[in-house]
N, C-alpha and C. Protein backbone atom coordinates (compact mmCIF):
# COMPACT_ATOMS: atom_id res chain seq x y z
N UNK A 1 89.87 159.26 -77.80
CA UNK A 1 88.74 159.85 -78.43
C UNK A 1 88.26 160.45 -78.34
N UNK A 2 87.15 161.57 -79.31
CA UNK A 2 86.20 162.35 -78.64
C UNK A 2 85.02 161.95 -78.70
N UNK A 3 84.06 162.35 -77.93
CA UNK A 3 82.64 162.06 -77.83
C UNK A 3 81.58 163.04 -78.72
N UNK A 4 81.94 161.87 -79.86
CA UNK A 4 80.95 164.02 -80.72
C UNK A 4 79.81 163.82 -80.01
N UNK A 5 79.12 162.99 -79.32
CA UNK A 5 77.56 163.96 -79.58
C UNK A 5 77.89 164.54 -78.30
N UNK A 6 78.22 164.36 -77.28
CA UNK A 6 78.60 164.72 -75.82
C UNK A 6 79.37 166.34 -76.41
N UNK A 7 80.17 166.42 -77.40
CA UNK A 7 80.80 167.41 -77.80
C UNK A 7 79.83 168.27 -78.20
N UNK A 8 79.17 167.52 -79.38
CA UNK A 8 77.78 168.89 -80.04
C UNK A 8 76.98 169.27 -79.49
N UNK A 9 76.59 168.45 -78.17
CA UNK A 9 75.55 168.98 -77.06
C UNK A 9 75.94 169.92 -76.80
N UNK A 10 77.06 169.55 -75.94
CA UNK A 10 77.36 171.00 -75.44
C UNK A 10 77.77 172.38 -76.16
N UNK A 11 77.94 172.32 -76.88
CA UNK A 11 78.63 173.85 -78.06
C UNK A 11 77.27 174.10 -78.59
N UNK A 12 77.27 175.19 -77.64
CA UNK A 12 76.23 176.29 -78.65
C UNK A 12 76.27 176.34 -79.94
N UNK A 13 75.14 175.98 -80.89
CA UNK A 13 74.95 176.67 -82.59
C UNK A 13 74.07 177.36 -82.41
N UNK A 14 72.74 177.84 -81.49
CA UNK A 14 72.34 178.37 -81.96
C UNK A 14 72.12 180.09 -81.32
N UNK A 15 71.81 181.20 -81.36
CA UNK A 15 70.97 182.18 -80.42
C UNK A 15 69.86 181.53 -79.95
N UNK A 16 69.21 182.56 -79.08
CA UNK A 16 67.71 182.12 -78.06
C UNK A 16 67.26 182.37 -79.12
N UNK A 17 66.94 183.09 -79.93
CA UNK A 17 65.53 183.69 -81.02
C UNK A 17 65.30 184.49 -81.16
N UNK A 18 63.98 184.91 -81.54
CA UNK A 18 63.83 186.31 -81.90
C UNK A 18 61.83 186.72 -81.21
N UNK A 19 62.61 186.06 -80.30
CA UNK A 19 60.69 186.45 -79.58
C UNK A 19 59.79 185.27 -79.77
N UNK A 20 59.67 184.34 -80.36
CA UNK A 20 58.94 183.73 -80.55
C UNK A 20 59.01 183.06 -82.40
N UNK A 21 58.63 183.64 -82.94
CA UNK A 21 59.00 183.25 -84.08
C UNK A 21 60.17 182.56 -84.56
N UNK A 22 61.24 182.67 -84.26
CA UNK A 22 62.30 181.91 -84.42
C UNK A 22 62.91 181.56 -83.32
N UNK A 23 63.10 180.08 -82.96
CA UNK A 23 63.87 179.97 -81.61
C UNK A 23 64.42 178.69 -81.75
N UNK A 24 65.61 177.95 -80.80
CA UNK A 24 66.40 176.99 -81.10
C UNK A 24 65.28 176.27 -80.54
N UNK A 25 65.17 174.34 -81.15
CA UNK A 25 64.62 173.42 -80.02
C UNK A 25 65.53 172.50 -79.63
N UNK A 26 64.85 172.38 -78.37
CA UNK A 26 65.68 171.19 -77.91
C UNK A 26 66.99 170.21 -78.79
N UNK A 27 67.98 169.64 -77.75
CA UNK A 27 68.73 168.46 -78.45
C UNK A 27 67.34 167.67 -78.61
N UNK A 28 67.66 166.76 -79.66
CA UNK A 28 67.57 165.60 -80.15
C UNK A 28 67.87 164.12 -80.66
N UNK A 29 67.49 163.34 -80.53
CA UNK A 29 67.93 162.24 -81.63
C UNK A 29 67.92 161.76 -82.60
N UNK A 30 68.59 161.65 -83.61
CA UNK A 30 67.70 162.02 -85.37
C UNK A 30 68.71 160.56 -85.83
N UNK A 31 67.86 160.05 -86.91
CA UNK A 31 68.24 159.16 -87.58
C UNK A 31 68.03 159.30 -88.71
N UNK A 32 68.97 158.53 -89.89
CA UNK A 32 68.70 158.31 -91.14
C UNK A 32 68.69 157.03 -91.30
N UNK A 33 67.30 156.64 -91.96
CA UNK A 33 66.84 155.09 -92.15
C UNK A 33 67.31 154.96 -94.18
N UNK A 34 67.44 154.20 -94.39
CA UNK A 34 67.15 153.99 -95.47
C UNK A 34 67.05 152.86 -95.65
N UNK A 35 66.24 152.16 -96.62
CA UNK A 35 65.10 151.17 -96.33
C UNK A 35 64.58 150.91 -97.76
N UNK A 36 64.09 149.89 -99.09
CA UNK A 36 63.41 149.64 -100.08
C UNK A 36 62.34 148.86 -99.68
N UNK A 37 61.65 149.41 -100.47
CA UNK A 37 60.19 148.50 -100.06
C UNK A 37 59.50 148.24 -99.03
N UNK A 38 59.22 149.11 -98.31
CA UNK A 38 58.73 149.10 -96.75
C UNK A 38 57.72 150.39 -96.69
N UNK A 39 56.34 149.85 -96.25
CA UNK A 39 55.45 150.52 -96.03
C UNK A 39 54.83 150.09 -94.51
N UNK A 40 55.01 150.96 -93.51
CA UNK A 40 54.17 150.28 -92.29
C UNK A 40 54.79 150.99 -91.30
N UNK A 41 54.66 149.80 -90.22
CA UNK A 41 55.23 150.79 -88.61
C UNK A 41 56.53 150.11 -88.22
N UNK A 42 57.56 150.59 -88.11
CA UNK A 42 58.65 149.42 -87.22
C UNK A 42 59.07 150.40 -86.39
N UNK A 43 59.81 150.28 -85.28
CA UNK A 43 60.17 150.88 -84.05
C UNK A 43 60.05 152.17 -83.64
N UNK A 44 58.20 152.07 -83.75
CA UNK A 44 57.33 152.82 -83.10
C UNK A 44 57.31 154.10 -84.02
N UNK A 45 57.83 154.04 -85.20
CA UNK A 45 58.20 155.22 -86.61
C UNK A 45 56.76 154.38 -87.64
N UNK A 46 56.05 156.03 -87.71
CA UNK A 46 55.27 155.17 -89.15
C UNK A 46 56.32 155.62 -90.30
N UNK A 47 56.05 154.39 -90.92
CA UNK A 47 57.45 154.79 -92.09
C UNK A 47 56.00 154.66 -93.62
N UNK A 48 54.87 154.83 -93.31
CA UNK A 48 53.62 154.54 -94.56
C UNK A 48 54.27 155.99 -95.36
N UNK A 49 53.00 156.47 -96.06
CA UNK A 49 52.57 157.35 -96.55
C UNK A 49 53.82 157.63 -97.94
N UNK A 50 53.33 159.14 -98.54
CA UNK A 50 53.75 159.11 -99.99
C UNK A 50 54.97 160.28 -99.87
N UNK A 51 55.99 160.17 -100.74
CA UNK A 51 57.32 161.47 -100.27
C UNK A 51 56.82 162.56 -99.70
N UNK A 52 58.20 163.34 -99.50
CA UNK A 52 57.78 164.47 -98.53
C UNK A 52 56.44 164.59 -97.77
N UNK A 53 56.37 163.25 -96.85
CA UNK A 53 55.33 163.43 -95.56
C UNK A 53 56.15 163.28 -94.52
N UNK A 54 55.28 163.39 -93.27
CA UNK A 54 55.80 163.27 -91.93
C UNK A 54 54.86 163.23 -91.03
N UNK A 55 55.02 161.81 -90.59
CA UNK A 55 54.25 161.09 -89.63
C UNK A 55 54.62 161.07 -88.51
N UNK A 56 53.63 161.66 -87.36
CA UNK A 56 53.82 161.78 -85.76
C UNK A 56 53.87 162.94 -85.20
N UNK A 57 54.22 163.25 -84.20
CA UNK A 57 54.49 164.67 -83.76
C UNK A 57 55.75 165.33 -83.80
N UNK A 58 55.90 166.64 -82.79
CA UNK A 58 56.84 167.64 -83.43
C UNK A 58 58.10 167.46 -82.81
N UNK A 59 57.99 166.46 -81.86
CA UNK A 59 59.01 165.79 -81.11
C UNK A 59 59.45 164.45 -81.79
N UNK A 60 58.52 164.02 -81.91
CA UNK A 60 57.95 162.30 -82.47
C UNK A 60 57.96 162.17 -83.72
N UNK A 61 58.70 161.75 -84.69
CA UNK A 61 58.54 161.60 -86.08
C UNK A 61 59.31 160.81 -87.22
N UNK A 62 58.71 161.12 -88.36
CA UNK A 62 59.54 160.03 -89.43
C UNK A 62 59.17 161.30 -90.50
N UNK A 63 60.01 161.75 -91.26
CA UNK A 63 60.03 162.43 -92.32
C UNK A 63 60.18 161.65 -93.41
N UNK A 64 59.80 161.36 -94.49
CA UNK A 64 60.22 160.41 -95.57
C UNK A 64 60.40 161.60 -96.66
N UNK A 65 61.55 161.78 -96.72
CA UNK A 65 62.59 162.27 -97.99
C UNK A 65 62.55 161.89 -99.37
N UNK A 66 62.75 160.25 -99.20
CA UNK A 66 63.07 160.12 -100.52
C UNK A 66 62.22 158.42 -100.59
N UNK A 67 62.25 157.66 -101.90
CA UNK A 67 61.55 156.31 -102.11
C UNK A 67 62.28 155.73 -101.18
N UNK A 68 63.37 155.58 -100.36
CA UNK A 68 63.80 154.74 -99.08
C UNK A 68 64.69 155.56 -98.21
N UNK A 69 64.27 157.06 -97.92
CA UNK A 69 64.71 157.51 -97.35
C UNK A 69 64.08 157.79 -95.99
N UNK A 70 64.21 158.41 -94.33
CA UNK A 70 63.74 158.62 -93.65
C UNK A 70 64.60 159.45 -93.16
N UNK A 71 64.12 160.41 -92.32
CA UNK A 71 64.60 161.06 -91.62
C UNK A 71 63.87 161.12 -90.02
N UNK A 72 64.28 160.70 -89.13
CA UNK A 72 63.67 160.01 -88.20
C UNK A 72 63.77 160.97 -86.66
N UNK A 73 63.08 161.77 -86.11
CA UNK A 73 63.41 162.15 -85.26
C UNK A 73 62.86 162.31 -83.49
N UNK A 74 63.24 162.03 -82.04
CA UNK A 74 63.11 161.84 -80.94
C UNK A 74 63.21 162.09 -79.98
N UNK A 75 62.75 162.49 -78.77
CA UNK A 75 63.44 163.04 -78.34
C UNK A 75 64.42 163.16 -77.43
N UNK A 76 66.06 163.72 -77.32
CA UNK A 76 67.36 163.03 -76.80
C UNK A 76 67.08 161.58 -75.70
N UNK A 77 67.37 161.07 -75.83
CA UNK A 77 68.11 160.06 -74.81
C UNK A 77 67.30 158.55 -75.20
N UNK A 78 66.37 158.90 -76.48
CA UNK A 78 65.40 157.80 -76.51
C UNK A 78 66.28 156.63 -77.70
N UNK A 79 67.07 157.38 -78.00
CA UNK A 79 67.73 156.94 -79.65
C UNK A 79 68.16 155.75 -79.07
N UNK A 80 68.59 155.16 -78.30
CA UNK A 80 69.04 153.75 -78.03
C UNK A 80 67.57 152.47 -78.44
N UNK A 81 67.21 153.17 -77.60
CA UNK A 81 65.79 152.24 -77.13
C UNK A 81 65.09 152.46 -78.56
N UNK A 82 64.81 153.53 -79.51
CA UNK A 82 64.28 153.34 -80.75
C UNK A 82 65.45 153.01 -81.75
N UNK A 83 66.77 152.43 -81.59
CA UNK A 83 67.31 152.35 -82.57
C UNK A 83 67.34 150.59 -82.44
N UNK A 84 67.03 150.06 -80.81
CA UNK A 84 67.56 148.57 -80.62
C UNK A 84 65.39 147.44 -81.51
N UNK A 85 65.04 148.87 -81.31
CA UNK A 85 62.99 148.16 -82.23
C UNK A 85 63.78 148.56 -83.36
N UNK A 86 64.10 149.53 -83.94
CA UNK A 86 64.11 149.42 -85.28
C UNK A 86 64.83 148.01 -85.87
N UNK A 87 65.76 148.11 -85.30
CA UNK A 87 66.81 147.00 -85.57
C UNK A 87 65.69 145.43 -85.68
N UNK A 88 65.50 145.40 -84.41
CA UNK A 88 64.27 144.04 -84.05
C UNK A 88 63.38 144.18 -85.78
N UNK A 89 62.65 145.31 -84.80
CA UNK A 89 61.60 145.74 -86.72
C UNK A 89 62.11 144.96 -87.74
N UNK A 90 63.34 145.31 -88.45
CA UNK A 90 63.77 145.26 -89.52
C UNK A 90 64.07 144.28 -89.81
N UNK A 91 64.86 143.31 -88.40
CA UNK A 91 65.64 142.24 -88.92
C UNK A 91 65.53 141.36 -90.29
N UNK A 92 66.27 140.99 -90.91
CA UNK A 92 65.50 140.16 -92.18
C UNK A 92 66.00 140.97 -93.15
N UNK A 93 65.65 142.14 -93.44
CA UNK A 93 65.43 143.20 -94.07
C UNK A 93 67.49 143.48 -94.47
N UNK A 94 67.10 144.61 -95.63
CA UNK A 94 68.53 145.16 -96.11
C UNK A 94 68.18 146.63 -95.71
N UNK A 95 68.67 147.59 -95.02
CA UNK A 95 68.77 148.82 -94.85
C UNK A 95 69.63 149.22 -93.56
N UNK A 96 70.11 150.77 -94.01
CA UNK A 96 71.08 151.10 -93.03
C UNK A 96 70.29 152.40 -92.36
N UNK A 97 71.02 152.31 -90.78
CA UNK A 97 70.47 152.93 -89.84
C UNK A 97 71.48 154.42 -89.45
N UNK A 98 71.75 155.51 -89.20
CA UNK A 98 72.98 156.19 -89.59
C UNK A 98 71.96 157.24 -88.14
N UNK A 99 72.91 157.50 -86.91
CA UNK A 99 72.62 158.52 -85.95
C UNK A 99 73.22 159.96 -86.48
N UNK A 100 72.35 160.46 -86.60
CA UNK A 100 73.06 161.98 -86.78
C UNK A 100 72.53 162.76 -86.17
N UNK A 101 71.86 162.79 -84.87
CA UNK A 101 71.83 163.43 -83.66
C UNK A 101 73.03 164.22 -83.62
N UNK A 102 74.16 164.34 -83.58
CA UNK A 102 75.08 165.05 -83.10
C UNK A 102 75.40 166.06 -84.91
N UNK A 103 74.72 165.92 -85.39
CA UNK A 103 75.04 166.44 -87.05
C UNK A 103 74.33 167.46 -87.03
N UNK A 104 72.97 167.16 -86.68
CA UNK A 104 71.89 168.06 -86.95
C UNK A 104 71.51 168.98 -86.24
N UNK A 105 70.58 170.10 -86.35
CA UNK A 105 70.26 170.84 -85.26
C UNK A 105 68.77 171.14 -85.75
N UNK A 106 68.08 171.43 -84.99
CA UNK A 106 66.46 171.67 -85.19
C UNK A 106 66.03 173.37 -84.76
N UNK A 107 65.71 174.04 -85.44
CA UNK A 107 64.91 175.29 -85.76
C UNK A 107 63.58 174.87 -85.41
N UNK A 108 62.91 176.29 -84.77
CA UNK A 108 61.35 176.26 -85.07
C UNK A 108 60.98 177.94 -85.21
N UNK A 109 59.91 177.67 -86.26
CA UNK A 109 59.83 178.71 -86.84
C UNK A 109 57.86 178.58 -86.72
N UNK A 110 57.62 179.95 -85.81
CA UNK A 110 55.90 179.27 -85.37
C UNK A 110 55.56 180.89 -85.84
N UNK A 111 54.37 180.93 -85.85
CA UNK A 111 53.38 181.76 -86.06
C UNK A 111 52.83 182.45 -86.95
N UNK A 112 51.91 183.90 -87.04
CA UNK A 112 50.79 183.28 -88.53
C UNK A 112 52.09 184.05 -89.48
N UNK A 113 53.34 184.85 -89.27
CA UNK A 113 54.07 184.70 -90.75
C UNK A 113 55.14 183.65 -90.75
N UNK A 114 55.24 182.48 -90.24
CA UNK A 114 55.96 181.45 -90.49
C UNK A 114 56.79 181.09 -91.44
N UNK A 115 55.25 180.49 -92.43
CA UNK A 115 56.10 180.65 -93.85
C UNK A 115 56.61 181.66 -95.04
N UNK A 116 56.27 182.91 -94.42
CA UNK A 116 56.55 184.54 -94.78
C UNK A 116 58.26 184.06 -94.73
N UNK A 117 58.31 184.10 -93.46
CA UNK A 117 59.77 184.26 -92.89
C UNK A 117 60.35 182.98 -93.76
N UNK A 118 60.04 181.78 -93.87
CA UNK A 118 60.71 180.88 -94.57
C UNK A 118 60.96 180.76 -96.01
N UNK A 119 59.76 181.42 -96.62
CA UNK A 119 59.35 182.01 -97.99
C UNK A 119 60.73 182.93 -98.48
N UNK A 120 61.12 183.66 -97.76
CA UNK A 120 62.54 184.60 -97.83
C UNK A 120 63.53 183.90 -98.40
N UNK A 121 64.00 182.72 -98.26
CA UNK A 121 65.28 182.34 -98.43
C UNK A 121 64.89 181.09 -99.02
N UNK A 122 63.28 180.27 -99.40
CA UNK A 122 63.15 179.25 -99.44
C UNK A 122 62.06 179.09 -100.62
N UNK A 123 62.32 178.59 -102.14
CA UNK A 123 61.78 178.91 -103.31
C UNK A 123 60.37 178.67 -103.09
N UNK A 124 59.97 177.72 -102.49
CA UNK A 124 59.20 176.69 -102.38
C UNK A 124 57.54 177.52 -101.84
N UNK A 125 56.12 177.01 -102.14
CA UNK A 125 55.08 177.63 -101.54
C UNK A 125 54.95 176.46 -100.36
N UNK A 126 55.28 177.60 -98.80
CA UNK A 126 55.05 176.47 -97.75
C UNK A 126 53.55 177.37 -97.36
N UNK A 127 52.67 177.80 -98.16
CA UNK A 127 51.36 178.30 -97.83
C UNK A 127 50.67 176.94 -97.02
N UNK A 128 49.45 177.39 -96.68
CA UNK A 128 48.72 175.93 -96.12
C UNK A 128 48.03 175.18 -96.56
N UNK A 129 47.63 175.81 -97.80
CA UNK A 129 47.00 174.75 -98.99
C UNK A 129 48.40 173.87 -99.88
N UNK A 130 49.00 174.63 -100.17
CA UNK A 130 50.79 173.83 -100.78
C UNK A 130 51.39 172.94 -100.23
N UNK A 131 51.48 173.22 -98.29
CA UNK A 131 52.48 172.74 -97.71
C UNK A 131 51.59 172.48 -96.41
N UNK A 132 50.86 171.41 -96.60
CA UNK A 132 49.88 171.59 -95.27
C UNK A 132 50.53 170.75 -93.99
N UNK A 133 49.75 170.68 -92.66
CA UNK A 133 50.32 169.42 -91.98
C UNK A 133 50.68 168.53 -92.00
N UNK A 134 51.82 167.72 -91.78
CA UNK A 134 52.19 166.36 -92.82
C UNK A 134 52.68 166.63 -93.32
N UNK A 135 53.75 167.49 -94.33
CA UNK A 135 54.40 167.95 -95.03
C UNK A 135 55.64 168.29 -94.94
N UNK A 136 56.53 167.45 -95.71
CA UNK A 136 57.90 167.51 -95.27
C UNK A 136 59.00 167.65 -96.81
N UNK A 137 59.90 168.33 -96.80
CA UNK A 137 60.76 168.04 -97.74
C UNK A 137 62.49 168.72 -97.68
N UNK A 138 63.39 168.12 -98.37
CA UNK A 138 65.01 168.48 -98.07
C UNK A 138 64.88 169.49 -99.18
N UNK A 139 65.56 170.81 -99.25
CA UNK A 139 65.14 172.26 -99.78
C UNK A 139 66.62 172.68 -99.23
N UNK A 140 66.81 173.85 -100.19
CA UNK A 140 67.68 175.11 -99.52
C UNK A 140 67.16 175.96 -99.19
N UNK A 141 67.69 176.78 -98.35
CA UNK A 141 67.25 178.04 -97.88
C UNK A 141 68.66 178.99 -97.55
N UNK A 142 68.37 179.76 -99.12
CA UNK A 142 69.49 181.16 -98.98
C UNK A 142 70.73 179.49 -99.73
N UNK A 143 71.52 179.30 -99.03
CA UNK A 143 72.80 178.60 -99.31
C UNK A 143 73.24 177.67 -98.77
N UNK A 144 72.37 177.18 -97.73
CA UNK A 144 72.53 175.86 -96.95
C UNK A 144 71.21 174.98 -97.02
N UNK A 145 71.64 173.63 -97.42
CA UNK A 145 71.06 172.43 -97.47
C UNK A 145 69.86 171.90 -95.98
N UNK A 146 68.86 172.20 -96.03
CA UNK A 146 67.78 172.15 -94.63
C UNK A 146 66.37 171.06 -94.82
N UNK A 147 65.87 170.18 -94.13
CA UNK A 147 64.70 169.74 -94.64
C UNK A 147 63.77 170.50 -93.14
N UNK A 148 62.62 170.67 -93.81
CA UNK A 148 61.65 171.27 -93.60
C UNK A 148 60.24 170.64 -93.16
N UNK A 149 59.91 170.64 -91.82
CA UNK A 149 59.03 169.73 -91.70
C UNK A 149 57.91 170.27 -91.08
N UNK A 150 56.67 170.44 -91.13
CA UNK A 150 55.15 170.47 -90.66
C UNK A 150 54.52 170.28 -89.67
N UNK A 151 54.57 169.73 -89.01
CA UNK A 151 54.24 169.34 -87.89
C UNK A 151 53.30 170.28 -86.48
N UNK A 152 51.89 169.65 -86.72
CA UNK A 152 51.95 171.04 -85.34
C UNK A 152 51.33 172.17 -85.85
N UNK A 153 51.85 173.03 -84.99
CA UNK A 153 51.25 174.59 -84.96
C UNK A 153 52.14 175.85 -86.06
N UNK A 154 53.41 174.87 -86.05
CA UNK A 154 54.51 175.52 -87.26
C UNK A 154 54.93 174.35 -87.74
N UNK A 155 56.46 175.39 -88.27
CA UNK A 155 57.48 174.40 -88.69
C UNK A 155 58.67 174.03 -87.98
N UNK A 156 59.08 173.05 -88.39
CA UNK A 156 60.70 172.78 -88.50
C UNK A 156 61.80 172.19 -89.04
N UNK A 157 62.85 173.35 -88.66
CA UNK A 157 63.73 173.12 -90.04
C UNK A 157 65.21 172.52 -89.14
N UNK A 158 65.16 171.53 -89.78
CA UNK A 158 66.48 170.78 -89.47
C UNK A 158 67.92 170.97 -90.56
N UNK A 159 69.42 171.27 -89.68
CA UNK A 159 70.06 171.22 -90.39
C UNK A 159 70.94 170.97 -89.86
N UNK A 160 72.95 170.92 -90.39
CA UNK A 160 73.21 170.33 -89.89
C UNK A 160 73.90 171.55 -89.00
N UNK A 161 74.75 171.15 -88.11
CA UNK A 161 75.18 171.67 -87.05
C UNK A 161 76.22 172.74 -87.67
N UNK A 162 76.73 172.80 -88.96
CA UNK A 162 77.54 173.57 -89.19
C UNK A 162 77.24 174.75 -90.02
N UNK A 163 75.96 174.09 -90.11
CA UNK A 163 74.90 175.71 -91.43
C UNK A 163 74.46 176.40 -89.86
N UNK A 164 73.97 175.41 -89.09
CA UNK A 164 73.00 176.49 -88.03
C UNK A 164 73.18 177.56 -87.93
N UNK A 165 74.53 178.17 -87.48
CA UNK A 165 74.74 180.05 -87.43
C UNK A 165 74.08 180.48 -88.33
N UNK A 166 74.40 180.19 -90.00
CA UNK A 166 73.91 180.64 -91.29
C UNK A 166 72.42 181.43 -91.02
N UNK A 167 71.97 179.32 -91.10
CA UNK A 167 70.61 179.78 -91.46
C UNK A 167 69.51 180.32 -89.96
N UNK A 168 69.74 180.07 -88.55
CA UNK A 168 69.22 181.04 -87.58
C UNK A 168 69.75 182.42 -87.57
N UNK A 169 70.92 183.07 -88.41
CA UNK A 169 71.05 184.48 -88.31
C UNK A 169 70.12 184.55 -89.83
N UNK A 170 69.63 184.11 -90.46
CA UNK A 170 68.91 184.42 -92.00
C UNK A 170 67.76 184.46 -91.21
N UNK A 171 66.87 183.24 -90.41
CA UNK A 171 65.47 183.64 -90.52
C UNK A 171 65.29 184.70 -89.13
N UNK A 172 66.33 184.77 -88.14
CA UNK A 172 66.29 185.90 -87.36
C UNK A 172 66.17 187.15 -88.35
N UNK A 173 66.92 187.40 -88.50
CA UNK A 173 66.98 188.60 -89.75
C UNK A 173 65.15 189.16 -90.55
N UNK A 174 65.57 187.92 -90.63
CA UNK A 174 63.91 188.11 -91.64
C UNK A 174 62.81 187.97 -90.80
N UNK A 175 62.68 187.17 -89.65
CA UNK A 175 61.47 187.25 -88.56
C UNK A 175 61.34 188.94 -88.01
N UNK A 176 62.85 189.54 -87.82
CA UNK A 176 62.70 190.55 -87.50
C UNK A 176 61.82 191.97 -88.13
N UNK A 177 61.19 191.45 -88.95
CA UNK A 177 60.19 192.44 -90.31
C UNK A 177 59.20 192.02 -89.51
N UNK A 178 58.96 191.03 -89.56
CA UNK A 178 56.85 190.79 -88.32
C UNK A 178 57.04 190.67 -87.11
N UNK A 179 58.39 191.16 -86.36
CA UNK A 179 58.12 190.61 -85.21
C UNK A 179 57.42 191.91 -84.14
């Protein structure tokens, strides 16, 4: 049987980047949490807040993408402890916690033209006023399903590993206009 997380970690999904505007993010552990009627903290994640928000740091956050859905991202190697902590904190509730770290990759889009680069393929207003720090959403970039999170100084684009060459290539090509 294949060890999917190990194979995925060894398989490069993204090129080196564009000198600071678009760059691959280091491997991370990721989970999709489905849970109804909960607001608060669990397992080190802040699960409060409105839809399309994210709480945490650029490396460790919970992005609320639906009324009962969160994308949880944390540094690689911390997933097992976080999973145990979440399961303990949510004991007695009906929930689903699925590890998707092997499926997703992260791409950083930073700099003064980061929103412009993303807006070449995303039909949402990503300006500071409309999409401030702490925002998150699932959307389309060109023809690929992505999650865009704004924490810190730039954007984090999460996409499926199979879409990563397309998403990275798209963003890299657009970023060349601003480099």
